[in-house]
Amino acid sequence: MLGYFMTNAMQTAEFFRKTQLESDEIAAQKIQRTLQPDALLPRS
């Protein structure tokens, strides 16, 4: 029973870590777009 709770806690922590990482990545992209708006646009 203790093993189940440990596994569940580890999976929950990993989920929150990945969610935070994705949210930080999105925020960084928004900041990058603000600082260099034409750097990310494809050149034609």
N, C-alpha and C. Protein backbone atom coordinates (compact mmCIF):
# COMPACT_ATOMS: atom_id res chain seq x y z
N MET A 1 0.83 -1.20 0.00
CA MET A 1 0.00 0.00 0.00
C MET A 1 0.87 1.26 0.00
N LEU A 2 1.93 1.25 0.77
CA LEU A 2 2.83 2.41 0.82
C LEU A 2 3.48 2.64 -0.55
N GLY A 3 3.81 1.56 -1.25
CA GLY A 3 4.40 1.67 -2.59
C GLY A 3 3.46 2.37 -3.55
N TYR A 4 2.19 2.08 -3.45
CA TYR A 4 1.20 2.71 -4.31
C TYR A 4 1.18 4.23 -4.08
N PHE A 5 1.17 4.62 -2.80
CA PHE A 5 1.14 6.06 -2.49
C PHE A 5 2.42 6.76 -2.95
N MET A 6 3.55 6.08 -2.82
CA MET A 6 4.82 6.67 -3.26
C MET A 6 4.82 6.86 -4.77
N THR A 7 4.36 5.85 -5.49
CA THR A 7 4.31 5.93 -6.96
C THR A 7 3.36 7.04 -7.38
N ASN A 8 2.20 7.11 -6.75
CA ASN A 8 1.22 8.14 -7.07
C ASN A 8 1.79 9.54 -6.81
N ALA A 9 2.48 9.71 -5.70
CA ALA A 9 3.08 11.00 -5.35
C ALA A 9 4.15 11.38 -6.37
N MET A 10 4.95 10.42 -6.79
CA MET A 10 6.00 10.69 -7.77
C MET A 10 5.40 11.09 -9.12
N GLN A 11 4.35 10.38 -9.54
CA GLN A 11 3.70 10.71 -10.81
C GLN A 11 3.04 12.08 -10.76
N THR A 12 2.44 12.42 -9.64
CA THR A 12 1.82 13.73 -9.48
C THR A 12 2.87 14.83 -9.54
N ALA A 13 3.99 14.63 -8.86
CA ALA A 13 5.07 15.62 -8.87
C ALA A 13 5.63 15.79 -10.29
N GLU A 14 5.79 14.71 -11.01
CA GLU A 14 6.29 14.77 -12.39
C GLU A 14 5.30 15.51 -13.29
N PHE A 15 4.02 15.26 -13.10
CA PHE A 15 2.99 15.95 -13.89
C PHE A 15 3.06 17.46 -13.67
N PHE A 16 3.15 17.87 -12.39
CA PHE A 16 3.22 19.30 -12.10
C PHE A 16 4.50 19.92 -12.63
N ARG A 17 5.60 19.17 -12.56
CA ARG A 17 6.87 19.67 -13.08
C ARG A 17 6.78 19.91 -14.58
N LYS A 18 6.21 18.94 -15.32
CA LYS A 18 6.06 19.08 -16.77
C LYS A 18 5.11 20.22 -17.12
N THR A 19 4.03 20.36 -16.37
CA THR A 19 3.08 21.44 -16.61
C THR A 19 3.76 22.79 -16.41
N GLN A 20 4.54 22.92 -15.35
CA GLN A 20 5.25 24.17 -15.08
C GLN A 20 6.26 24.46 -16.18
N LEU A 21 6.95 23.41 -16.64
CA LEU A 21 7.95 23.57 -17.70
C LEU A 21 7.29 24.08 -18.98
N GLU A 22 6.15 23.49 -19.35
CA GLU A 22 5.44 23.91 -20.56
C GLU A 22 4.96 25.35 -20.42
N SER A 23 4.46 25.71 -19.25
CA SER A 23 3.97 27.06 -19.05
C SER A 23 5.12 28.07 -19.09
N ASP A 24 6.28 27.71 -18.55
CA ASP A 24 7.46 28.58 -18.63
C ASP A 24 7.91 28.75 -20.07
N GLU A 25 7.84 27.67 -20.85
CA GLU A 25 8.25 27.71 -22.25
C GLU A 25 7.33 28.64 -23.06
N ILE A 26 6.03 28.56 -22.82
CA ILE A 26 5.07 29.43 -23.50
C ILE A 26 5.33 30.89 -23.13
N ALA A 27 5.58 31.14 -21.85
CA ALA A 27 5.86 32.51 -21.40
C ALA A 27 7.13 33.04 -22.06
N ALA A 28 8.15 32.20 -22.17
CA ALA A 28 9.41 32.61 -22.80
C ALA A 28 9.19 32.94 -24.27
N GLN A 29 8.36 32.17 -24.96
CA GLN A 29 8.05 32.45 -26.37
C GLN A 29 7.33 33.79 -26.50
N LYS A 30 6.41 34.08 -25.60
CA LYS A 30 5.69 35.35 -25.65
C LYS A 30 6.64 36.52 -25.43
N ILE A 31 7.54 36.37 -24.47
CA ILE A 31 8.53 37.42 -24.21
C ILE A 31 9.43 37.61 -25.43
N GLN A 32 9.86 36.52 -26.02
CA GLN A 32 10.72 36.59 -27.21
C GLN A 32 10.00 37.32 -28.34
N ARG A 33 8.72 37.02 -28.54
CA ARG A 33 7.93 37.68 -29.58
C ARG A 33 7.81 39.18 -29.32
N THR A 34 7.70 39.54 -28.04
CA THR A 34 7.59 40.95 -27.68
C THR A 34 8.91 41.69 -27.96
N LEU A 35 10.02 41.03 -27.62
CA LEU A 35 11.32 41.67 -27.79
C LEU A 35 11.77 41.72 -29.25
N GLN A 36 11.47 40.64 -29.99
CA GLN A 36 11.89 40.56 -31.39
C GLN A 36 10.73 40.08 -32.25
N PRO A 37 9.76 40.96 -32.54
CA PRO A 37 8.56 40.52 -33.24
C PRO A 37 8.81 39.95 -34.64
N ASP A 38 9.79 40.50 -35.39
CA ASP A 38 9.98 39.97 -36.76
C ASP A 38 10.98 38.83 -36.80
N ALA A 39 11.69 38.55 -35.74
CA ALA A 39 12.68 37.47 -35.76
C ALA A 39 12.03 36.10 -35.92
N LEU A 40 10.79 35.94 -35.44
CA LEU A 40 10.13 34.64 -35.48
C LEU A 40 9.21 34.49 -36.68
N LEU A 41 9.00 35.55 -37.44
CA LEU A 41 8.15 35.45 -38.62
C LEU A 41 8.94 34.87 -39.79
N PRO A 42 8.33 33.95 -40.54
CA PRO A 42 9.05 33.38 -41.69
C PRO A 42 9.27 34.44 -42.77
N ARG A 43 10.46 34.45 -43.31
CA ARG A 43 10.79 35.40 -44.39
C ARG A 43 10.32 34.84 -45.72
N SER A 44 9.72 35.69 -46.57
CA SER A 44 9.28 35.20 -47.88
C SER A 44 9.98 35.93 -49.00
